[in-house]
Structure formats: C-alpha cells, structure tokens
Amino acid sequence: NRVIDEIKQRRTSLGQFVKYKLKPGEMVIVNGNKVGQETGTILKLNRTRAVVNIDGIKWNVPFNMIEKVQ
C-alpha cells in the first residue's frame, strides 16, 4: 500500500506541475490510450483536469495526459 500511495502522490505532483504552465487558449497535445495523440485547445482549467476542445468536442482531460505544444 505504501508503494501505491507513493505512485499516486508522484502522479498528482507531476500533474500539478503541468497545470501551472498552462493557460486557457493554448494549444496542447493529449496523449490518450485509445486514440494516441490528439491536438486541442484548452478551454478551462479545473482543479484536477482541463477542459480541452478537440475537433469541436469538449473533453475533461487529466493534467498528466497533457503536453504543451512547443
């Protein structure tokens, strides 16, 4: 259980690190398991997830699945 808690805490901290680099209106890459990589625009930043517009559809995406487009 201790190892699992450490993994969860690390994932949360990485997500929060990404969150503070993002702003609404920025282009991002979403790494998904089923669809691979998709490009979208951030509409809103919530506490644990971002609302991302991908091809006209709004998705709630965890921050650990988001990368900023360079």
N, C-alpha and C. Protein backbone atom coordinates (compact mmCIF):
# COMPACT_ATOMS: atom_id res chain seq x y z
N ASN A 1 0.82 -1.20 0.00
CA ASN A 1 0.00 0.00 0.00
C ASN A 1 0.86 1.26 0.00
N ARG A 2 2.00 1.19 0.65
CA ARG A 2 2.88 2.34 0.73
C ARG A 2 3.43 2.71 -0.65
N VAL A 3 3.77 1.71 -1.43
CA VAL A 3 4.29 1.96 -2.79
C VAL A 3 3.20 2.57 -3.66
N ILE A 4 2.00 2.07 -3.54
CA ILE A 4 0.88 2.60 -4.33
C ILE A 4 0.63 4.06 -3.97
N ASP A 5 0.67 4.38 -2.68
CA ASP A 5 0.48 5.76 -2.24
C ASP A 5 1.57 6.68 -2.80
N GLU A 6 2.81 6.20 -2.84
CA GLU A 6 3.91 6.98 -3.40
C GLU A 6 3.70 7.24 -4.89
N ILE A 7 3.24 6.24 -5.61
CA ILE A 7 2.99 6.39 -7.05
C ILE A 7 1.87 7.40 -7.29
N LYS A 8 0.80 7.31 -6.54
CA LYS A 8 -0.31 8.25 -6.68
C LYS A 8 0.13 9.68 -6.38
N GLN A 9 0.93 9.84 -5.34
CA GLN A 9 1.40 11.18 -4.97
C GLN A 9 2.31 11.74 -6.05
N ARG A 10 3.17 10.91 -6.63
CA ARG A 10 4.07 11.36 -7.69
C ARG A 10 3.28 11.78 -8.93
N ARG A 11 2.26 10.99 -9.30
CA ARG A 11 1.42 11.31 -10.45
C ARG A 11 0.68 12.63 -10.23
N THR A 12 0.18 12.85 -9.02
CA THR A 12 -0.51 14.09 -8.70
C THR A 12 0.42 15.29 -8.78
N SER A 13 1.63 15.13 -8.25
CA SER A 13 2.57 16.26 -8.28
C SER A 13 3.01 16.59 -9.70
N LEU A 14 3.18 15.58 -10.55
CA LEU A 14 3.53 15.84 -11.95
C LEU A 14 2.39 16.56 -12.67
N GLY A 15 1.16 16.16 -12.38
CA GLY A 15 0.00 16.82 -12.98
C GLY A 15 -0.11 18.27 -12.57
N GLN A 16 0.14 18.56 -11.31
CA GLN A 16 0.07 19.94 -10.83
C GLN A 16 1.19 20.78 -11.43
N PHE A 17 2.36 20.18 -11.66
CA PHE A 17 3.46 20.89 -12.30
C PHE A 17 3.07 21.32 -13.71
N VAL A 18 2.38 20.45 -14.44
CA VAL A 18 1.91 20.77 -15.79
C VAL A 18 0.84 21.86 -15.74
N LYS A 19 -0.04 21.77 -14.75
CA LYS A 19 -1.16 22.71 -14.64
C LYS A 19 -0.69 24.15 -14.57
N TYR A 20 0.37 24.42 -13.81
CA TYR A 20 0.80 25.79 -13.62
C TYR A 20 1.51 26.36 -14.84
N LYS A 21 1.82 25.54 -15.83
CA LYS A 21 2.43 26.02 -17.07
C LYS A 21 1.39 26.33 -18.15
N LEU A 22 0.14 25.94 -17.92
CA LEU A 22 -0.90 26.07 -18.95
C LEU A 22 -1.83 27.25 -18.68
N LYS A 23 -2.39 27.76 -19.78
CA LYS A 23 -3.38 28.83 -19.72
C LYS A 23 -4.48 28.53 -20.74
N PRO A 24 -5.70 28.99 -20.48
CA PRO A 24 -6.76 28.81 -21.47
C PRO A 24 -6.39 29.45 -22.80
N GLY A 25 -6.71 28.77 -23.89
CA GLY A 25 -6.42 29.26 -25.23
C GLY A 25 -5.15 28.67 -25.83
N GLU A 26 -4.35 27.97 -25.03
CA GLU A 26 -3.11 27.40 -25.53
C GLU A 26 -3.36 26.06 -26.22
N MET A 27 -2.52 25.78 -27.20
CA MET A 27 -2.58 24.50 -27.91
C MET A 27 -1.83 23.45 -27.10
N VAL A 28 -2.42 22.25 -27.00
CA VAL A 28 -1.81 21.16 -26.25
C VAL A 28 -1.93 19.86 -27.03
N ILE A 29 -1.10 18.90 -26.65
CA ILE A 29 -1.19 17.54 -27.18
C ILE A 29 -1.72 16.67 -26.06
N VAL A 30 -2.76 15.88 -26.36
CA VAL A 30 -3.36 14.98 -25.38
C VAL A 30 -2.92 13.56 -25.75
N ASN A 31 -2.26 12.88 -24.83
CA ASN A 31 -1.81 11.51 -25.03
C ASN A 31 -2.86 10.56 -24.48
N GLY A 32 -3.63 9.94 -25.37
CA GLY A 32 -4.67 9.03 -24.94
C GLY A 32 -4.31 7.59 -25.26
N ASN A 33 -4.86 6.67 -24.49
CA ASN A 33 -4.59 5.26 -24.70
C ASN A 33 -5.26 4.74 -25.97
N LYS A 34 -6.50 5.12 -26.20
CA LYS A 34 -7.27 4.58 -27.32
C LYS A 34 -7.01 5.29 -28.63
N VAL A 35 -6.81 6.60 -28.58
CA VAL A 35 -6.71 7.38 -29.82
C VAL A 35 -5.30 7.85 -30.14
N GLY A 36 -4.36 7.61 -29.25
CA GLY A 36 -3.00 8.09 -29.48
C GLY A 36 -2.89 9.56 -29.12
N GLN A 37 -2.20 10.33 -29.96
CA GLN A 37 -2.01 11.75 -29.68
C GLN A 37 -3.00 12.58 -30.48
N GLU A 38 -3.65 13.50 -29.79
CA GLU A 38 -4.58 14.44 -30.41
C GLU A 38 -4.17 15.84 -30.02
N THR A 39 -4.38 16.80 -30.91
CA THR A 39 -4.08 18.20 -30.64
C THR A 39 -5.38 18.93 -30.36
N GLY A 40 -5.36 19.78 -29.33
CA GLY A 40 -6.54 20.54 -28.98
C GLY A 40 -6.18 21.86 -28.32
N THR A 41 -7.23 22.59 -27.93
CA THR A 41 -7.07 23.89 -27.29
C THR A 41 -7.69 23.84 -25.90
N ILE A 42 -7.00 24.40 -24.92
CA ILE A 42 -7.52 24.43 -23.56
C ILE A 42 -8.61 25.48 -23.47
N LEU A 43 -9.76 25.07 -22.95
CA LEU A 43 -10.87 25.99 -22.73
C LEU A 43 -10.92 26.47 -21.29
N LYS A 44 -10.64 25.55 -20.34
CA LYS A 44 -10.77 25.87 -18.93
C LYS A 44 -9.85 24.96 -18.12
N LEU A 45 -9.31 25.49 -17.02
CA LEU A 45 -8.50 24.71 -16.10
C LEU A 45 -9.28 24.50 -14.81
N ASN A 46 -9.55 23.24 -14.48
CA ASN A 46 -10.21 22.90 -13.23
C ASN A 46 -9.16 22.47 -12.22
N ARG A 47 -9.60 21.97 -11.09
CA ARG A 47 -8.66 21.60 -10.01
C ARG A 47 -7.77 20.44 -10.40
N THR A 48 -8.33 19.39 -10.99
CA THR A 48 -7.54 18.21 -11.34
C THR A 48 -7.52 17.89 -12.82
N ARG A 49 -8.35 18.57 -13.60
CA ARG A 49 -8.45 18.28 -15.03
C ARG A 49 -8.60 19.58 -15.82
N ALA A 50 -8.34 19.48 -17.11
CA ALA A 50 -8.54 20.62 -18.01
C ALA A 50 -9.63 20.26 -19.01
N VAL A 51 -10.41 21.25 -19.41
CA VAL A 51 -11.39 21.06 -20.47
C VAL A 51 -10.69 21.43 -21.77
N VAL A 52 -10.58 20.43 -22.67
CA VAL A 52 -9.84 20.61 -23.91
C VAL A 52 -10.79 20.41 -25.08
N ASN A 53 -10.74 21.33 -26.05
CA ASN A 53 -11.54 21.23 -27.25
C ASN A 53 -10.72 20.50 -28.31
N ILE A 54 -11.18 19.29 -28.68
CA ILE A 54 -10.53 18.50 -29.72
C ILE A 54 -11.56 18.25 -30.81
N ASP A 55 -11.32 18.84 -31.99
CA ASP A 55 -12.22 18.70 -33.15
C ASP A 55 -13.66 19.05 -32.81
N GLY A 56 -13.86 20.12 -32.03
CA GLY A 56 -15.20 20.59 -31.70
C GLY A 56 -15.87 19.86 -30.55
N ILE A 57 -15.20 18.91 -29.94
CA ILE A 57 -15.76 18.17 -28.81
C ILE A 57 -14.97 18.54 -27.56
N LYS A 58 -15.69 18.81 -26.45
CA LYS A 58 -15.05 19.17 -25.19
C LYS A 58 -14.76 17.91 -24.39
N TRP A 59 -13.50 17.75 -23.96
CA TRP A 59 -13.07 16.60 -23.18
C TRP A 59 -12.50 17.08 -21.85
N ASN A 60 -12.79 16.36 -20.77
CA ASN A 60 -12.16 16.59 -19.47
C ASN A 60 -10.95 15.68 -19.41
N VAL A 61 -9.76 16.28 -19.40
CA VAL A 61 -8.52 15.52 -19.51
C VAL A 61 -7.67 15.74 -18.27
N PRO A 62 -7.16 14.67 -17.64
CA PRO A 62 -6.24 14.84 -16.51
C PRO A 62 -4.95 15.52 -16.97
N PHE A 63 -4.35 16.28 -16.07
CA PHE A 63 -3.16 17.04 -16.43
C PHE A 63 -1.97 16.15 -16.78
N ASN A 64 -1.92 14.93 -16.24
CA ASN A 64 -0.78 14.08 -16.56
C ASN A 64 -0.86 13.50 -17.97
N MET A 65 -1.95 13.74 -18.70
CA MET A 65 -2.09 13.30 -20.09
C MET A 65 -1.87 14.45 -21.08
N ILE A 66 -1.51 15.64 -20.58
CA ILE A 66 -1.41 16.83 -21.41
C ILE A 66 0.05 17.26 -21.54
N GLU A 67 0.42 17.64 -22.77
CA GLU A 67 1.72 18.24 -23.03
C GLU A 67 1.49 19.53 -23.79
N LYS A 68 2.25 20.56 -23.44
CA LYS A 68 2.13 21.84 -24.12
C LYS A 68 2.82 21.75 -25.48
N VAL A 69 2.19 22.32 -26.52
CA VAL A 69 2.78 22.35 -27.86
C VAL A 69 3.90 23.39 -27.86
N GLN A 70 5.05 23.01 -28.35
CA GLN A 70 6.21 23.91 -28.36
C GLN A 70 6.17 24.83 -29.55
